[in-house]
């Protein structure tokens, strides 16, 4: 594990472009302590950094860890790291098998400071993430720093260390810290990206990320100065939250969704309704059921992501009434993805790592439905003001987003699991499940005379069928719902 840069010391105070921080010279952390602190192995031993878990699928660290030139962290590109990177979370003793190691598959750098968010290939459950500060600490405040870098007598320690530090000053984007007197610690090489946080009872609140240090007292250093520079996180809390919210609607192993509870995703929500039905709806549109287990009539039912990997709906008297049949893989988890699909993944799987075992099919489609294109039960489209849903009950319906109002529908409620198709002859048709090709239709637009026609859910809320040469602003509309919203 090599250092990222060499010291460029000159007279005076800290040189901000000098040494990225390396391990915290301080006391070894007891097993299980500060489990949100992560160890980063970049390029299979090329670099070593620290990080902090902020939710099950994202860690926060220093951009300089991934920069070709660590002195210029703003050059880190977004996307997959150039070098294979493994994040190990919850392993206080690196020689043990505790915790979990997951590959980093995506980077989201912050341009104005030495900071990057790193997305994990699959979520890490069982370790409480660090909370995010809402304000900068005051000068004189005592914080705690952790990291896997060098100590006073170890080049490559195998255990997490921590030390108490004091805030000396702050700028718009940084904090200057120093070991708390009497000095018992310092920020060393290998600590880059590690967290500095305020301990509030049992809660750790992240205030900064290790960026640069004089490294006084660190193994191999003759420097006596021990100040360090931290990258502030409190003033960009919203950016961190927004950026790391991708696919964060998760139900981990052994987690339950009680009667009346909701799991909320980016656009959709999974609700264990009090009548016993588990449903997926668009936010603010509770009556537009996109997908459901069909277990209504069982008041008090609950859903359980069982440790054996099966996702089950139980009645109030603990009878299984629906399940995904995924018990073959212990440790599975449930994800309500940003694309709207509800998926059961293997414990080491995820949207970027594969391992899907079951899916509800509740996927978002584009607002243009082309000639010959079907829209299956549980698929939906979203425009600026409206949502179009091929409901589980067979109704093809338009809802207004602002208040959830029902604007239009085909009225084909009796066709459970029915589907829509924009036929190549230009006719828009609803078929019951298992039927099609002109047989058994339960609704149609009557536009069979315009081959190649397509349907468009417009931003003004209107659902329109256009001739193949038509479109918004071009003309050629041959049918519409007139649902301007």
Protein backbone atom coordinates (compact mmCIF):
# COMPACT_ATOMS: atom_id res chain seq x y z
CA UNK A 1 0.00 0.00 0.00
CA UNK A 2 1.85 3.02 -1.28
CA UNK A 3 1.47 6.66 -0.39
CA UNK A 4 -0.48 8.83 -2.78
CA UNK A 5 1.95 11.77 -2.80
CA UNK A 6 5.17 12.86 -1.24
CA UNK A 7 5.34 15.84 1.11
CA UNK A 8 6.19 19.22 -0.38
CA UNK A 9 6.90 21.02 2.86
CA UNK A 10 7.83 24.67 2.97
CA UNK A 11 7.99 27.20 5.73
CA UNK A 12 4.73 28.28 7.32
CA UNK A 13 1.37 26.67 7.84
CA UNK A 14 -0.08 23.65 6.04
CA UNK A 15 0.46 23.54 2.29
CA UNK A 16 -2.99 22.64 0.98
CA UNK A 17 -1.66 20.92 -2.12
CA UNK A 18 0.81 18.70 -0.32
CA UNK A 19 0.03 15.32 1.15
CA UNK A 20 -3.25 13.51 0.92
CA UNK A 21 -3.88 11.97 4.33
CA UNK A 22 -2.82 8.49 4.64
CA UNK A 23 -4.15 5.77 8.93
CA UNK A 24 -5.10 7.45 12.08
CA UNK A 25 -2.34 7.28 14.64
CA UNK A 26 -4.44 6.51 17.66
CA UNK A 27 -5.99 3.69 19.64
CA UNK A 28 -7.02 0.43 17.96
CA UNK A 29 -10.78 0.17 17.65
CA UNK A 30 -12.52 -2.70 19.45
CA UNK A 31 -14.14 -5.34 17.26
CA UNK A 32 -17.35 -4.02 15.77
CA UNK A 33 -16.55 -0.39 16.56
CA UNK A 34 -17.39 2.34 14.03
CA UNK A 35 -18.53 -0.28 11.47
CA UNK A 36 -19.45 2.42 8.94
CA UNK A 37 -15.72 3.03 8.34
CA UNK A 38 -14.66 1.27 5.16
CA UNK A 39 -11.33 0.16 3.73
CA UNK A 40 -10.71 0.81 0.03
CA UNK A 41 -8.30 -1.34 -1.98
CA UNK A 42 -7.74 0.48 -5.29
CA UNK A 43 -6.02 -1.29 -8.16
CA UNK A 44 -5.33 -4.50 -6.22
CA UNK A 45 -2.87 -2.90 -3.83
CA UNK A 46 -1.94 0.10 -5.97
CA UNK A 47 -3.54 2.46 -3.45
CA UNK A 48 -5.18 2.18 -0.07
CA UNK A 49 -7.75 4.59 1.31
CA UNK A 50 -10.52 4.78 3.87
CA UNK A 51 -14.17 5.74 3.43
CA UNK A 52 -17.50 5.93 5.25
CA UNK A 53 -20.77 4.10 4.56
CA UNK A 54 -23.64 6.60 4.17
CA UNK A 55 -26.35 4.11 3.10
CA UNK A 56 -26.38 0.42 2.13
CA UNK A 57 -25.06 1.02 -1.41
CA UNK A 58 -22.88 4.15 -1.19
CA UNK A 59 -19.68 5.20 0.56
CA UNK A 60 -18.17 8.66 0.72
CA UNK A 61 -14.43 9.23 0.40
CA UNK A 62 -11.76 11.54 -1.06
CA UNK A 63 -11.65 12.08 -4.81
CA UNK A 64 -7.84 12.15 -4.60
CA UNK A 65 -7.94 8.41 -3.95
CA UNK A 66 -9.06 7.88 -7.55
CA UNK A 67 -7.25 10.72 -9.32
CA UNK A 68 -4.37 9.98 -11.68
CA UNK A 69 -2.68 12.92 -9.96
CA UNK A 70 -3.94 13.00 -6.34
CA UNK A 71 -2.97 16.68 -6.12
CA UNK A 72 -5.74 17.39 -8.65
CA UNK A 73 -8.80 15.52 -7.34
CA UNK A 74 -11.16 17.54 -9.53
CA UNK A 75 -9.91 15.52 -12.52
CA UNK A 76 -11.68 12.35 -11.37
CA UNK A 77 -14.26 11.39 -14.02
CA UNK A 78 -17.72 10.14 -13.15
CA UNK A 79 -18.44 6.49 -13.82
CA UNK A 80 -16.64 3.25 -13.13
CA UNK A 81 -13.21 3.63 -11.43
CA UNK A 82 -10.21 3.29 -13.73
CA UNK A 83 -8.76 0.69 -11.34
CA UNK A 84 -10.74 -2.14 -9.79
CA UNK A 85 -11.77 -1.02 -6.31
CA UNK A 86 -12.98 -3.13 -3.42
CA UNK A 87 -14.68 -1.59 -0.40
CA UNK A 88 -14.63 -3.59 2.84
CA UNK A 89 -17.23 -2.50 5.37
CA UNK A 90 -17.64 -3.59 9.00
CA UNK A 91 -14.27 -5.34 9.29
CA UNK A 92 -12.45 -3.74 12.21
CA UNK A 93 -9.73 -6.40 11.99
CA UNK A 94 -8.75 -6.85 8.34
CA UNK A 95 -7.40 -10.29 9.17
CA UNK A 96 -10.88 -11.50 10.07
CA UNK A 97 -13.84 -12.49 7.90
CA UNK A 98 -16.27 -10.07 9.54
CA UNK A 99 -18.14 -7.51 7.48
CA UNK A 100 -18.47 -7.58 3.73
CA UNK A 101 -16.31 -6.74 0.70
CA UNK A 102 -18.04 -5.29 -2.37
CA UNK A 103 -16.72 -3.85 -5.63
CA UNK A 104 -17.13 -0.13 -6.31
CA UNK A 105 -18.86 0.23 -9.68
CA UNK A 106 -19.63 3.93 -10.00
CA UNK A 107 -18.12 7.26 -8.91
CA UNK A 108 -19.93 10.57 -8.48
CA UNK A 109 -17.27 13.26 -7.87
CA UNK A 110 -17.88 16.69 -6.40
CA UNK A 111 -16.17 19.35 -8.52
CA UNK A 112 -15.50 21.96 -5.84
CA UNK A 113 -13.68 19.84 -3.26
CA UNK A 114 -11.75 16.64 -2.59
CA UNK A 115 -14.82 14.43 -2.37
CA UNK A 116 -16.44 11.58 -4.25
CA UNK A 117 -19.38 9.26 -3.69
CA UNK A 118 -18.73 5.64 -4.60
CA UNK A 119 -21.54 3.24 -5.43
CA UNK A 120 -21.28 -0.42 -4.42
CA UNK A 121 -22.26 -3.25 -6.74
CA UNK A 122 -24.63 -4.66 -4.11
CA UNK A 123 -25.93 -3.31 -0.80
CA UNK A 124 -24.31 -3.92 2.56
CA UNK A 125 -26.81 -4.72 5.29
CA UNK A 126 -26.28 -5.07 9.03
CA UNK A 127 -24.11 -1.98 9.55
CA UNK A 128 -25.58 1.37 10.57
CA UNK A 129 -24.45 4.08 8.12
CA UNK A 130 -22.96 7.31 9.44
CA UNK A 131 -25.41 10.24 9.62
CA UNK A 132 -24.73 13.51 7.78
CA UNK A 133 -24.12 16.74 9.67
CA UNK A 134 -26.42 19.69 9.00
CA UNK A 135 -23.96 22.36 10.18
CA UNK A 136 -20.21 22.76 10.45
CA UNK A 137 -18.68 22.02 13.86
CA UNK A 138 -17.55 25.01 15.90
CA UNK A 139 -13.92 25.87 16.57
CA UNK A 140 -12.87 23.95 19.66
CA UNK A 141 -15.36 21.11 19.16
CA UNK A 142 -14.07 17.61 19.83
CA UNK A 143 -14.56 15.10 17.01
CA UNK A 144 -13.37 11.58 16.32
CA UNK A 145 -11.38 10.45 13.31
CA UNK A 146 -11.06 6.87 12.06
CA UNK A 147 -9.06 5.21 9.33
CA UNK A 148 -7.03 2.22 8.19
CA UNK A 149 -3.79 4.11 7.44
CA UNK A 150 -0.37 4.03 9.01
CA UNK A 151 0.14 4.30 12.74
CA UNK A 152 3.20 5.46 14.64
CA UNK A 153 4.91 2.10 14.21
CA UNK A 154 3.04 0.25 11.44
CA UNK A 155 3.38 0.79 7.71
CA UNK A 156 0.27 -1.23 6.84
CA UNK A 157 -1.84 -1.90 9.93
CA UNK A 158 -4.51 -4.54 9.75
CA UNK A 159 -6.82 -2.90 12.25
CA UNK A 160 -8.99 0.20 12.28
CA UNK A 161 -7.67 3.01 14.51
CA UNK A 162 -9.31 6.12 15.91
CA UNK A 163 -8.31 9.31 17.68
CA UNK A 164 -9.95 12.36 19.23
CA UNK A 165 -9.34 15.60 17.31
CA UNK A 166 -10.17 19.26 17.81
CA UNK A 167 -11.49 21.72 15.23
CA UNK A 168 -9.05 24.62 14.76
CA UNK A 169 -10.68 26.57 11.92
CA UNK A 170 -12.92 26.25 8.88
CA UNK A 171 -13.40 27.62 5.37
CA UNK A 172 -16.31 27.35 2.96
CA UNK A 173 -15.25 23.83 1.98
CA UNK A 174 -12.73 22.60 4.59
CA UNK A 175 -12.03 22.12 8.28
CA UNK A 176 -8.62 22.23 9.92
CA UNK A 177 -8.24 19.73 12.73
CA UNK A 178 -5.48 18.76 15.16
CA UNK A 179 -5.05 15.93 17.66
CA UNK A 180 -6.85 16.65 20.89
CA UNK A 181 -4.45 17.58 23.69
CA UNK A 182 -2.68 15.71 25.05
CA UNK A 183 -1.90 14.61 21.50
CA UNK A 184 -2.69 10.93 21.00
CA UNK A 185 -3.24 10.73 17.28
CA UNK A 186 -2.66 12.06 13.80
CA UNK A 187 -3.97 11.57 10.27
CA UNK A 188 -1.53 9.44 8.27
CA UNK A 189 -1.14 7.94 4.81
CA UNK A 190 -3.88 5.40 4.14
CA UNK A 191 -6.46 7.45 6.02
CA UNK A 192 -7.37 9.47 2.94
CA UNK A 193 -11.14 9.53 2.59
CA UNK A 194 -11.79 8.33 6.11
CA UNK A 195 -14.43 10.02 8.29
CA UNK A 196 -14.28 12.64 11.01
CA UNK A 197 -17.49 12.69 12.99
CA UNK A 198 -19.20 13.94 16.10
CA UNK A 199 -20.34 11.32 18.57
CA UNK A 200 -23.88 12.09 19.70
CA UNK A 201 -24.72 9.28 22.06
CA UNK A 202 -24.89 6.12 19.96
CA UNK A 203 -25.09 8.16 16.74
CA UNK A 204 -22.07 9.18 14.68
CA UNK A 205 -22.62 12.37 12.64
CA UNK A 206 -20.22 12.87 9.73
CA UNK A 207 -18.59 16.31 9.62
CA UNK A 208 -15.63 15.79 7.29
CA UNK A 209 -13.54 13.50 5.12
CA UNK A 210 -9.74 13.25 5.53
CA UNK A 211 -8.04 15.07 2.68
CA UNK A 212 -4.50 16.30 3.56
CA UNK A 213 -2.18 16.05 6.53
CA UNK A 214 1.31 17.00 7.73
CA UNK A 215 1.55 13.46 9.15
CA UNK A 216 3.58 14.31 12.23
CA UNK A 217 3.99 11.16 14.31
CA UNK A 218 3.17 8.80 11.45
CA UNK A 219 5.41 5.88 10.58
CA UNK A 220 8.23 6.94 8.25
CA UNK A 221 7.64 10.68 8.74
CA UNK A 222 10.10 13.13 10.31
CA UNK A 223 7.50 15.92 10.31
CA UNK A 224 6.41 17.27 13.68
CA UNK A 225 3.30 19.13 12.60
CA UNK A 226 0.07 17.18 13.10
CA UNK A 227 -2.66 19.39 11.66
CA UNK A 228 -4.86 17.98 8.93
CA UNK A 229 -7.38 19.30 6.42
CA UNK A 230 -10.85 17.77 6.23
CA UNK A 231 -13.33 18.19 3.39
CA UNK A 232 -16.60 19.56 4.74
CA UNK A 233 -19.83 17.66 4.03
CA UNK A 234 -22.47 19.60 5.99
CA UNK A 235 -23.00 22.33 3.38
CA UNK A 236 -23.54 19.80 0.57
CA UNK A 237 -25.73 17.44 2.54
CA UNK A 238 -28.59 17.72 0.03
CA UNK A 239 -26.28 16.94 -2.91
CA UNK A 240 -24.96 13.89 -1.08
CA UNK A 241 -28.48 12.71 -0.24
CA UNK A 242 -29.82 13.28 -3.76
CA UNK A 243 -26.84 11.66 -5.50
CA UNK A 244 -26.80 8.60 -3.25
CA UNK A 245 -30.56 8.02 -3.31
CA UNK A 246 -30.40 5.80 -6.40
CA UNK A 247 -32.21 2.50 -5.77
CA UNK A 248 -32.37 3.05 -2.02
CA UNK A 249 -35.87 1.61 -1.46
CA UNK A 250 -34.60 -1.62 0.07
CA UNK A 251 -35.99 -4.27 2.38
CA UNK A 252 -33.05 -6.21 3.77
CA UNK A 253 -32.87 -9.79 5.02
CA UNK A 254 -35.30 -10.46 7.91
CA UNK A 255 -36.97 -7.05 7.47
CA UNK A 256 -40.76 -6.72 7.57
CA UNK A 257 -43.36 -4.38 6.11
CA UNK A 258 -46.14 -4.19 8.67
CA UNK A 259 -49.79 -3.51 7.92
CA UNK A 260 -50.10 0.11 6.81
CA UNK A 261 -46.37 0.60 6.19
CA UNK A 262 -44.86 1.82 2.92
CA UNK A 263 -41.51 1.41 1.17
CA UNK A 264 -40.95 4.55 -0.91
CA UNK A 265 -38.86 4.63 -4.08
CA UNK A 266 -38.05 7.45 -6.48
CA UNK A 267 -41.41 7.45 -8.29
CA UNK A 268 -43.35 4.55 -6.80
CA UNK A 269 -44.23 3.15 -3.42
CA UNK A 270 -44.83 -0.38 -2.15
CA UNK A 271 -47.61 -0.42 0.45
CA UNK A 272 -48.77 -3.19 2.75
CA UNK A 273 -52.38 -2.06 2.79
CA UNK A 274 -54.52 -2.55 5.85
CA UNK A 275 -56.87 -4.79 3.84
CA UNK A 276 -53.98 -7.22 3.28
CA UNK A 277 -53.13 -6.39 -0.33
CA UNK A 278 -49.49 -5.53 -1.11
CA UNK A 279 -49.55 -2.92 -3.87
CA UNK A 280 -47.28 -0.77 -6.00
CA UNK A 281 -48.65 2.67 -6.84
CA UNK A 282 -47.22 5.93 -8.14
CA UNK A 283 -46.58 8.49 -5.42
CA UNK A 284 -49.72 10.51 -4.83
CA UNK A 285 -51.89 8.19 -6.95
CA UNK A 286 -53.12 5.55 -4.47
CA UNK A 287 -56.00 4.39 -6.67
CA UNK A 288 -53.85 3.67 -9.71
CA UNK A 289 -52.62 0.23 -8.70
CA UNK A 290 -49.73 -0.72 -10.95
CA UNK A 291 -49.11 -4.12 -9.38
CA UNK A 292 -50.53 -6.10 -6.46
CA UNK A 293 -50.32 -9.49 -4.81
CA UNK A 294 -54.11 -9.79 -4.86
CA UNK A 295 -54.23 -10.69 -1.18
CA UNK A 296 -56.94 -8.21 -0.18
CA UNK A 297 -59.52 -9.42 2.30
CA UNK A 298 -56.83 -10.25 4.87
CA UNK A 299 -56.80 -7.26 7.22
CA UNK A 300 -53.64 -6.99 9.29
CA UNK A 301 -51.49 -8.97 6.84
CA UNK A 302 -47.76 -8.20 6.72
CA UNK A 303 -44.85 -8.84 4.33
CA UNK A 304 -41.54 -10.43 5.40
CA UNK A 305 -38.24 -10.68 3.52
CA UNK A 306 -37.36 -13.93 5.22
CA UNK A 307 -33.76 -14.89 6.12
CA UNK A 308 -34.13 -17.94 3.84
CA UNK A 309 -34.54 -15.59 0.85
CA UNK A 310 -38.28 -15.91 0.30
CA UNK A 311 -40.45 -12.76 0.26
CA UNK A 312 -43.79 -13.71 1.79
CA UNK A 313 -47.10 -12.05 2.62
CA UNK A 314 -48.59 -13.49 5.83
CA UNK A 315 -52.10 -13.12 7.18
CA UNK A 316 -52.56 -11.58 10.63
CA UNK A 317 -52.64 -15.12 12.07
CA UNK A 318 -49.28 -15.91 10.39
CA UNK A 319 -50.53 -17.99 7.45
CA UNK A 320 -48.51 -17.54 4.22
CA UNK A 321 -50.88 -16.23 1.54
CA UNK A 322 -48.42 -15.18 -1.21
CA UNK A 323 -44.70 -15.57 -1.90
CA UNK A 324 -41.97 -15.12 -4.51
CA UNK A 325 -40.69 -18.72 -4.17
CA UNK A 326 -37.11 -17.49 -3.75
CA UNK A 327 -36.25 -19.51 -0.64
CA UNK A 328 -33.40 -21.26 -2.46
CA UNK A 329 -31.01 -18.37 -1.71
CA UNK A 330 -30.57 -17.24 1.91
CA UNK A 331 -29.81 -13.59 2.53
CA UNK A 332 -31.81 -12.19 -0.40
CA UNK A 333 -33.16 -8.65 -0.29
CA UNK A 334 -35.99 -6.71 -1.92
CA UNK A 335 -35.45 -3.60 -4.05
CA UNK A 336 -38.03 -1.15 -5.39
CA UNK A 337 -35.81 0.17 -8.16
CA UNK A 338 -35.69 3.60 -9.73
CA UNK A 339 -37.10 2.06 -12.93
CA UNK A 340 -40.12 1.03 -10.86
CA UNK A 341 -39.55 -2.70 -10.88
CA UNK A 342 -39.83 -4.62 -7.63
CA UNK A 343 -37.04 -7.22 -7.57
CA UNK A 344 -35.70 -9.90 -5.24
CA UNK A 345 -31.91 -10.10 -5.52
CA UNK A 346 -29.36 -12.55 -4.20
CA UNK A 347 -27.45 -11.13 -1.27
CA UNK A 348 -24.46 -10.28 -3.46
CA UNK A 349 -26.50 -9.10 -6.42
CA UNK A 350 -27.99 -5.78 -7.45
CA UNK A 351 -28.98 -3.71 -10.50
CA UNK A 352 -25.30 -3.36 -11.42
CA UNK A 353 -24.20 -6.85 -10.38
CA UNK A 354 -26.97 -9.14 -11.60
CA UNK A 355 -28.45 -11.80 -9.35
CA UNK A 356 -32.15 -11.02 -9.84
CA UNK A 357 -34.30 -13.96 -8.73
CA UNK A 358 -37.81 -12.55 -9.12
CA UNK A 359 -39.42 -9.38 -10.46
CA UNK A 360 -42.90 -7.89 -10.44
CA UNK A 361 -42.57 -6.47 -13.94
CA UNK A 362 -43.65 -3.03 -12.73
CA UNK A 363 -41.39 -1.24 -15.16
CA UNK A 364 -41.49 2.28 -16.54
CA UNK A 365 -41.72 2.66 -20.30
CA UNK A 366 -41.28 5.66 -22.59
CA UNK A 367 -44.05 8.13 -23.31
CA UNK A 368 -44.17 7.06 -26.97
CA UNK A 369 -45.78 3.69 -27.70
CA UNK A 370 -44.70 2.66 -31.16
CA UNK A 371 -46.46 0.71 -33.85
CA UNK A 372 -46.69 -2.96 -32.83
CA UNK A 373 -45.62 -2.24 -29.24
CA UNK A 374 -47.44 -3.96 -26.35
CA UNK A 375 -47.80 -2.51 -22.86
CA UNK A 376 -48.09 -5.31 -20.35
CA UNK A 377 -49.88 -5.38 -17.04
CA UNK A 378 -47.93 -3.36 -14.42
CA UNK A 379 -46.10 -1.21 -16.97
CA UNK A 380 -46.48 2.57 -16.78
CA UNK A 381 -45.34 5.82 -18.41
CA UNK A 382 -44.87 9.26 -16.88
CA UNK A 383 -45.06 12.67 -18.58
CA UNK A 384 -44.77 16.13 -17.05
CA UNK A 385 -48.31 16.26 -15.68
CA UNK A 386 -49.79 12.77 -15.96
CA UNK A 387 -49.10 9.08 -15.47
CA UNK A 388 -50.36 6.33 -17.79
CA UNK A 389 -50.80 2.90 -16.18
CA UNK A 390 -51.66 -0.54 -17.56
CA UNK A 391 -53.26 -1.50 -14.28
CA UNK A 392 -53.29 -4.98 -12.79
CA UNK A 393 -57.10 -4.97 -13.00
CA UNK A 394 -56.96 -4.52 -16.78
CA UNK A 395 -57.83 -0.83 -16.95
CA UNK A 396 -55.57 1.38 -19.10
CA UNK A 397 -55.76 4.71 -17.29
CA UNK A 398 -54.46 8.27 -17.15
CA UNK A 399 -54.00 10.01 -13.78
CA UNK A 400 -53.04 13.58 -12.95
CA UNK A 401 -49.86 13.77 -10.89
CA UNK A 402 -50.67 16.92 -8.97
CA UNK A 403 -53.65 15.49 -7.10
CA UNK A 404 -53.94 11.85 -8.18
CA UNK A 405 -57.22 12.48 -10.04
CA UNK A 406 -58.47 9.83 -12.46
CA UNK A 407 -58.71 11.52 -15.89
CA UNK A 408 -59.46 8.74 -18.33
CA UNK A 409 -59.51 4.97 -18.68
CA UNK A 410 -60.62 2.19 -21.01
CA UNK A 411 -62.96 0.83 -18.32
CA UNK A 412 -61.70 -2.73 -18.85
CA UNK A 413 -61.54 -3.57 -15.15
CA UNK A 414 -62.76 -7.11 -15.58
CA UNK A 415 -59.71 -8.10 -17.64
CA UNK A 416 -57.26 -8.86 -14.82
CA UNK A 417 -53.70 -8.94 -16.20
CA UNK A 418 -54.99 -7.65 -19.51
CA UNK A 419 -52.60 -5.80 -21.80
CA UNK A 420 -52.56 -2.98 -24.32
CA UNK A 421 -51.07 -3.10 -27.80
CA UNK A 422 -50.60 -0.39 -30.43
CA UNK A 423 -51.25 -2.67 -33.40
CA UNK A 424 -49.40 -2.25 -36.67
CA UNK A 425 -52.72 -1.55 -38.41
CA UNK A 426 -53.04 1.62 -36.28
CA UNK A 427 -55.66 0.34 -33.85
CA UNK A 428 -55.03 0.60 -30.10
CA UNK A 429 -56.47 -2.49 -28.42
CA UNK A 430 -56.91 -4.01 -24.93
CA UNK A 431 -56.77 -7.79 -24.79
CA UNK A 432 -57.41 -10.12 -21.87
CA UNK A 433 -54.39 -12.09 -20.68
CA UNK A 434 -53.59 -14.95 -23.05
CA UNK A 435 -55.45 -13.52 -26.04
CA UNK A 436 -54.50 -11.28 -28.96
CA UNK A 437 -54.08 -11.07 -32.73
CA UNK A 438 -57.58 -9.68 -33.17
CA UNK A 439 -59.23 -12.30 -30.97
CA UNK A 440 -61.05 -11.39 -27.75
CA UNK A 441 -60.39 -7.64 -27.61
CA UNK A 442 -62.32 -5.79 -24.88
CA UNK A 443 -61.59 -2.22 -26.04
CA UNK A 444 -60.17 -0.49 -29.10
CA UNK A 445 -59.64 3.03 -30.41
CA UNK A 446 -61.21 2.36 -33.81
CA UNK A 447 -58.14 3.63 -35.69
CA UNK A 448 -57.39 0.44 -37.63
CA UNK A 449 -57.38 2.39 -40.87
CA UNK A 450 -54.05 4.16 -40.15
CA UNK A 451 -51.24 1.62 -40.43
CA UNK A 452 -48.08 2.55 -38.57
CA UNK A 453 -49.84 4.95 -36.16
CA UNK A 454 -48.30 5.48 -32.73
CA UNK A 455 -49.48 6.71 -29.32
CA UNK A 456 -47.95 9.58 -27.32
CA UNK A 457 -48.50 10.64 -23.69
CA UNK A 458 -47.82 14.35 -24.06
CA UNK A 459 -46.47 16.69 -21.41
CA UNK A 460 -49.74 18.63 -21.56
CA UNK A 461 -51.51 15.51 -20.25
CA UNK A 462 -53.23 14.51 -23.47
CA UNK A 463 -52.93 10.92 -24.70
CA UNK A 464 -52.92 11.02 -28.51
CA UNK A 465 -52.71 8.60 -31.43
CA UNK A 466 -50.87 10.09 -34.42
CA UNK A 467 -50.47 8.95 -37.99
CA UNK A 468 -47.02 7.56 -38.55
CA UNK A 469 -45.93 10.82 -40.21
CA UNK A 470 -47.52 12.95 -37.46
CA UNK A 471 -46.54 14.04 -33.98
CA UNK A 472 -46.65 16.94 -31.56
CA UNK A 473 -46.30 20.18 -33.53
CA UNK A 474 -46.59 18.28 -36.82
CA UNK A 475 -50.27 17.37 -36.80
CA UNK A 476 -51.75 14.07 -37.84
CA UNK A 477 -53.66 13.38 -34.61
CA UNK A 478 -56.42 10.82 -35.25
CA UNK A 479 -57.58 10.08 -31.68
CA UNK A 480 -57.09 11.55 -28.20
CA UNK A 481 -58.37 11.43 -24.63
CA UNK A 482 -58.50 15.25 -24.28
CA UNK A 483 -57.01 14.92 -20.80
CA UNK A 484 -55.20 18.21 -20.69
CA UNK A 485 -53.75 18.56 -17.19
